[in-house]
Amino acid sequence: MQSGWVKSNLSNIPPFTHNLLKILSEIEIILEGEHKHFLLEMNAFQIKGRYPDYINELEATINKEVNEKYLQQTEIFISWLKKKLQ
């Protein structure tokens, strides 16, 4: 399956960003409120490459339960997104 961004932007160069909301704003999918909130949370984990000093603070917020919650939410979101891209 071709990615949603590539499919919607065949003549463009992919954006130089890891901001999931920005990338998904450029395709023809309407995100629901819960998905926007989830992607905002996921954007925080991308912080390591830009602000390495912040990673310790971020990692302190993660435990087994939080990790399992994010994994489950990620699986649900990927399933939803795949359906939208078909």
N, C-alpha and C. Protein backbone atom coordinates (compact mmCIF):
# COMPACT_ATOMS: atom_id res chain seq x y z
N MET A 1 0.85 -1.18 0.00
CA MET A 1 0.00 0.00 0.00
C MET A 1 0.89 1.24 0.00
N GLN A 2 0.56 2.19 -0.82
CA GLN A 2 1.31 3.44 -0.89
C GLN A 2 0.94 4.31 0.32
N SER A 3 1.92 5.01 0.87
CA SER A 3 1.61 5.84 2.04
C SER A 3 0.63 6.94 1.68
N GLY A 4 -0.14 7.38 2.66
CA GLY A 4 -1.15 8.42 2.45
C GLY A 4 -0.56 9.72 1.95
N TRP A 5 0.59 10.12 2.50
CA TRP A 5 1.16 11.38 2.08
C TRP A 5 1.61 11.30 0.62
N VAL A 6 2.30 10.24 0.27
CA VAL A 6 2.79 10.08 -1.10
C VAL A 6 1.61 10.02 -2.07
N LYS A 7 0.59 9.28 -1.72
CA LYS A 7 -0.59 9.14 -2.58
C LYS A 7 -1.26 10.49 -2.82
N SER A 8 -1.31 11.34 -1.82
CA SER A 8 -1.98 12.64 -1.92
C SER A 8 -1.08 13.75 -2.46
N ASN A 9 0.21 13.51 -2.54
CA ASN A 9 1.17 14.55 -2.94
C ASN A 9 2.19 14.00 -3.93
N LEU A 10 1.72 13.44 -5.01
CA LEU A 10 2.60 12.76 -5.96
C LEU A 10 3.68 13.67 -6.55
N SER A 11 3.40 14.95 -6.71
CA SER A 11 4.38 15.82 -7.34
C SER A 11 5.22 16.61 -6.33
N ASN A 12 5.06 16.38 -5.06
CA ASN A 12 5.77 17.13 -4.02
C ASN A 12 6.87 16.29 -3.38
N ILE A 13 7.81 16.98 -2.76
CA ILE A 13 8.84 16.33 -1.96
C ILE A 13 8.30 16.19 -0.55
N PRO A 14 8.47 15.04 0.10
CA PRO A 14 7.95 14.88 1.46
C PRO A 14 8.50 15.96 2.39
N PRO A 15 7.68 16.41 3.33
CA PRO A 15 8.12 17.48 4.23
C PRO A 15 9.25 17.01 5.15
N PHE A 16 10.14 17.92 5.49
CA PHE A 16 11.25 17.62 6.39
C PHE A 16 10.77 17.86 7.81
N THR A 17 9.99 16.93 8.32
CA THR A 17 9.43 17.07 9.66
C THR A 17 9.09 15.70 10.22
N HIS A 18 9.04 15.64 11.53
CA HIS A 18 8.57 14.44 12.20
C HIS A 18 7.23 14.71 12.88
N ASN A 19 6.69 15.90 12.67
CA ASN A 19 5.42 16.28 13.27
C ASN A 19 4.30 15.52 12.58
N LEU A 20 3.73 14.57 13.30
CA LEU A 20 2.72 13.69 12.71
C LEU A 20 1.47 14.45 12.29
N LEU A 21 1.08 15.45 13.06
CA LEU A 21 -0.10 16.24 12.69
C LEU A 21 0.14 17.02 11.42
N LYS A 22 1.33 17.57 11.27
CA LYS A 22 1.67 18.32 10.04
C LYS A 22 1.62 17.41 8.83
N ILE A 23 2.23 16.25 8.94
CA ILE A 23 2.24 15.31 7.82
C ILE A 23 0.82 14.90 7.45
N LEU A 24 0.01 14.55 8.43
CA LEU A 24 -1.34 14.09 8.15
C LEU A 24 -2.28 15.22 7.73
N SER A 25 -1.90 16.47 8.01
CA SER A 25 -2.73 17.60 7.57
C SER A 25 -2.64 17.78 6.06
N GLU A 26 -1.64 17.18 5.45
CA GLU A 26 -1.44 17.33 4.01
C GLU A 26 -2.03 16.18 3.20
N ILE A 27 -2.84 15.35 3.83
CA ILE A 27 -3.54 14.29 3.10
C ILE A 27 -5.04 14.45 3.33
N GLU A 28 -5.80 13.76 2.55
CA GLU A 28 -7.25 13.92 2.59
C GLU A 28 -7.91 13.01 3.62
N ILE A 29 -7.46 13.12 4.85
CA ILE A 29 -8.05 12.36 5.95
C ILE A 29 -8.39 13.34 7.06
N ILE A 30 -9.59 13.25 7.55
CA ILE A 30 -10.01 14.11 8.66
C ILE A 30 -9.77 13.36 9.96
N LEU A 31 -8.89 13.91 10.76
CA LEU A 31 -8.58 13.29 12.05
C LEU A 31 -9.66 13.62 13.06
N GLU A 32 -10.03 12.63 13.84
CA GLU A 32 -10.98 12.84 14.91
C GLU A 32 -10.24 13.39 16.12
N GLY A 33 -10.96 14.00 17.04
CA GLY A 33 -10.35 14.62 18.21
C GLY A 33 -9.42 13.71 18.98
N GLU A 34 -9.84 12.47 19.19
CA GLU A 34 -9.02 11.53 19.94
C GLU A 34 -7.71 11.22 19.20
N HIS A 35 -7.77 11.19 17.88
CA HIS A 35 -6.56 10.93 17.10
C HIS A 35 -5.61 12.12 17.16
N LYS A 36 -6.14 13.32 17.09
CA LYS A 36 -5.29 14.51 17.20
C LYS A 36 -4.57 14.53 18.54
N HIS A 37 -5.30 14.25 19.59
CA HIS A 37 -4.71 14.24 20.93
C HIS A 37 -3.61 13.18 21.02
N PHE A 38 -3.88 11.99 20.50
CA PHE A 38 -2.89 10.92 20.53
C PHE A 38 -1.63 11.31 19.76
N LEU A 39 -1.79 11.89 18.58
CA LEU A 39 -0.63 12.28 17.77
C LEU A 39 0.17 13.39 18.44
N LEU A 40 -0.50 14.30 19.14
CA LEU A 40 0.22 15.32 19.90
C LEU A 40 1.10 14.68 20.96
N GLU A 41 0.56 13.67 21.64
CA GLU A 41 1.34 12.95 22.64
C GLU A 41 2.52 12.24 22.00
N MET A 42 2.30 11.62 20.85
CA MET A 42 3.38 10.90 20.17
C MET A 42 4.46 11.84 19.66
N ASN A 43 4.08 13.05 19.28
CA ASN A 43 5.07 14.03 18.83
C ASN A 43 6.12 14.30 19.91
N ALA A 44 5.71 14.21 21.16
CA ALA A 44 6.65 14.48 22.26
C ALA A 44 7.82 13.50 22.24
N PHE A 45 7.58 12.28 21.80
CA PHE A 45 8.65 11.28 21.80
C PHE A 45 9.66 11.50 20.68
N GLN A 46 9.38 12.35 19.79
CA GLN A 46 10.25 12.70 18.69
C GLN A 46 11.25 13.77 19.13
N ILE A 47 11.10 14.22 20.32
CA ILE A 47 11.88 15.34 20.85
C ILE A 47 13.37 15.01 20.99
N LYS A 48 13.71 13.75 21.13
CA LYS A 48 15.10 13.35 21.40
C LYS A 48 16.06 13.90 20.35
N GLY A 49 15.68 13.81 19.10
CA GLY A 49 16.57 14.28 18.05
C GLY A 49 16.77 15.78 18.05
N ARG A 50 15.78 16.51 18.50
CA ARG A 50 15.87 17.97 18.47
C ARG A 50 16.38 18.55 19.77
N TYR A 51 16.00 17.96 20.89
CA TYR A 51 16.35 18.50 22.21
C TYR A 51 16.82 17.36 23.12
N PRO A 52 18.03 16.87 22.94
CA PRO A 52 18.49 15.72 23.71
C PRO A 52 18.48 15.93 25.23
N ASP A 53 18.59 17.15 25.70
CA ASP A 53 18.56 17.40 27.14
C ASP A 53 17.18 17.13 27.74
N TYR A 54 16.15 17.21 26.93
CA TYR A 54 14.78 17.03 27.41
C TYR A 54 14.40 15.56 27.56
N ILE A 55 15.17 14.66 26.96
CA ILE A 55 14.80 13.25 26.93
C ILE A 55 14.72 12.64 28.33
N ASN A 56 15.58 13.02 29.25
CA ASN A 56 15.51 12.46 30.60
C ASN A 56 14.20 12.79 31.28
N GLU A 57 13.76 14.03 31.11
CA GLU A 57 12.47 14.44 31.68
C GLU A 57 11.32 13.65 31.06
N LEU A 58 11.38 13.47 29.76
CA LEU A 58 10.33 12.72 29.06
C LEU A 58 10.34 11.25 29.48
N GLU A 59 11.50 10.65 29.52
CA GLU A 59 11.59 9.24 29.90
C GLU A 59 11.11 8.99 31.32
N ALA A 60 11.21 9.97 32.19
CA ALA A 60 10.75 9.82 33.58
C ALA A 60 9.23 9.67 33.67
N THR A 61 8.53 10.06 32.62
CA THR A 61 7.06 9.95 32.62
C THR A 61 6.58 8.60 32.15
N ILE A 62 7.48 7.74 31.68
CA ILE A 62 7.10 6.47 31.09
C ILE A 62 7.36 5.32 32.05
N ASN A 63 6.35 4.49 32.21
CA ASN A 63 6.49 3.25 32.96
C ASN A 63 5.82 2.14 32.15
N LYS A 64 5.77 0.95 32.67
CA LYS A 64 5.22 -0.18 31.93
C LYS A 64 3.77 0.07 31.51
N GLU A 65 2.97 0.60 32.41
CA GLU A 65 1.56 0.84 32.11
C GLU A 65 1.38 1.88 31.01
N VAL A 66 2.14 2.96 31.11
CA VAL A 66 2.07 4.01 30.09
C VAL A 66 2.53 3.46 28.74
N ASN A 67 3.61 2.70 28.76
CA ASN A 67 4.12 2.11 27.54
C ASN A 67 3.07 1.19 26.89
N GLU A 68 2.42 0.36 27.68
CA GLU A 68 1.39 -0.54 27.15
C GLU A 68 0.20 0.25 26.60
N LYS A 69 -0.17 1.34 27.28
CA LYS A 69 -1.26 2.18 26.78
C LYS A 69 -0.92 2.77 25.43
N TYR A 70 0.30 3.31 25.29
CA TYR A 70 0.70 3.90 24.02
C TYR A 70 0.80 2.85 22.92
N LEU A 71 1.27 1.68 23.25
CA LEU A 71 1.35 0.61 22.26
C LEU A 71 -0.04 0.24 21.77
N GLN A 72 -0.98 0.09 22.67
CA GLN A 72 -2.36 -0.24 22.30
C GLN A 72 -2.97 0.88 21.45
N GLN A 73 -2.78 2.13 21.86
CA GLN A 73 -3.32 3.25 21.10
C GLN A 73 -2.69 3.34 19.71
N THR A 74 -1.41 3.02 19.63
CA THR A 74 -0.73 3.05 18.34
C THR A 74 -1.30 1.99 17.41
N GLU A 75 -1.52 0.80 17.92
CA GLU A 75 -2.10 -0.27 17.11
C GLU A 75 -3.50 0.10 16.62
N ILE A 76 -4.30 0.70 17.47
CA ILE A 76 -5.65 1.13 17.09
C ILE A 76 -5.57 2.21 16.02
N PHE A 77 -4.67 3.18 16.23
CA PHE A 77 -4.55 4.27 15.27
C PHE A 77 -4.07 3.77 13.91
N ILE A 78 -3.08 2.89 13.89
CA ILE A 78 -2.59 2.35 12.62
C ILE A 78 -3.69 1.61 11.89
N SER A 79 -4.47 0.83 12.59
CA SER A 79 -5.58 0.11 11.98
C SER A 79 -6.59 1.09 11.37
N TRP A 80 -6.94 2.14 12.12
CA TRP A 80 -7.87 3.17 11.64
C TRP A 80 -7.32 3.86 10.40
N LEU A 81 -6.04 4.23 10.46
CA LEU A 81 -5.41 4.94 9.35
C LEU A 81 -5.35 4.07 8.09
N LYS A 82 -5.01 2.80 8.24
CA LYS A 82 -4.97 1.91 7.08
C LYS A 82 -6.34 1.83 6.40
N LYS A 83 -7.40 1.77 7.19
CA LYS A 83 -8.75 1.73 6.62
C LYS A 83 -9.05 3.01 5.84
N LYS A 84 -8.62 4.16 6.37
CA LYS A 84 -8.87 5.43 5.72
C LYS A 84 -8.07 5.56 4.42
N LEU A 85 -6.92 4.93 4.35
CA LEU A 85 -6.05 5.04 3.18
C LEU A 85 -6.43 4.10 2.04
N GLN A 86 -7.33 3.20 2.30
CA GLN A 86 -7.72 2.24 1.24
C GLN A 86 -8.63 2.87 0.23
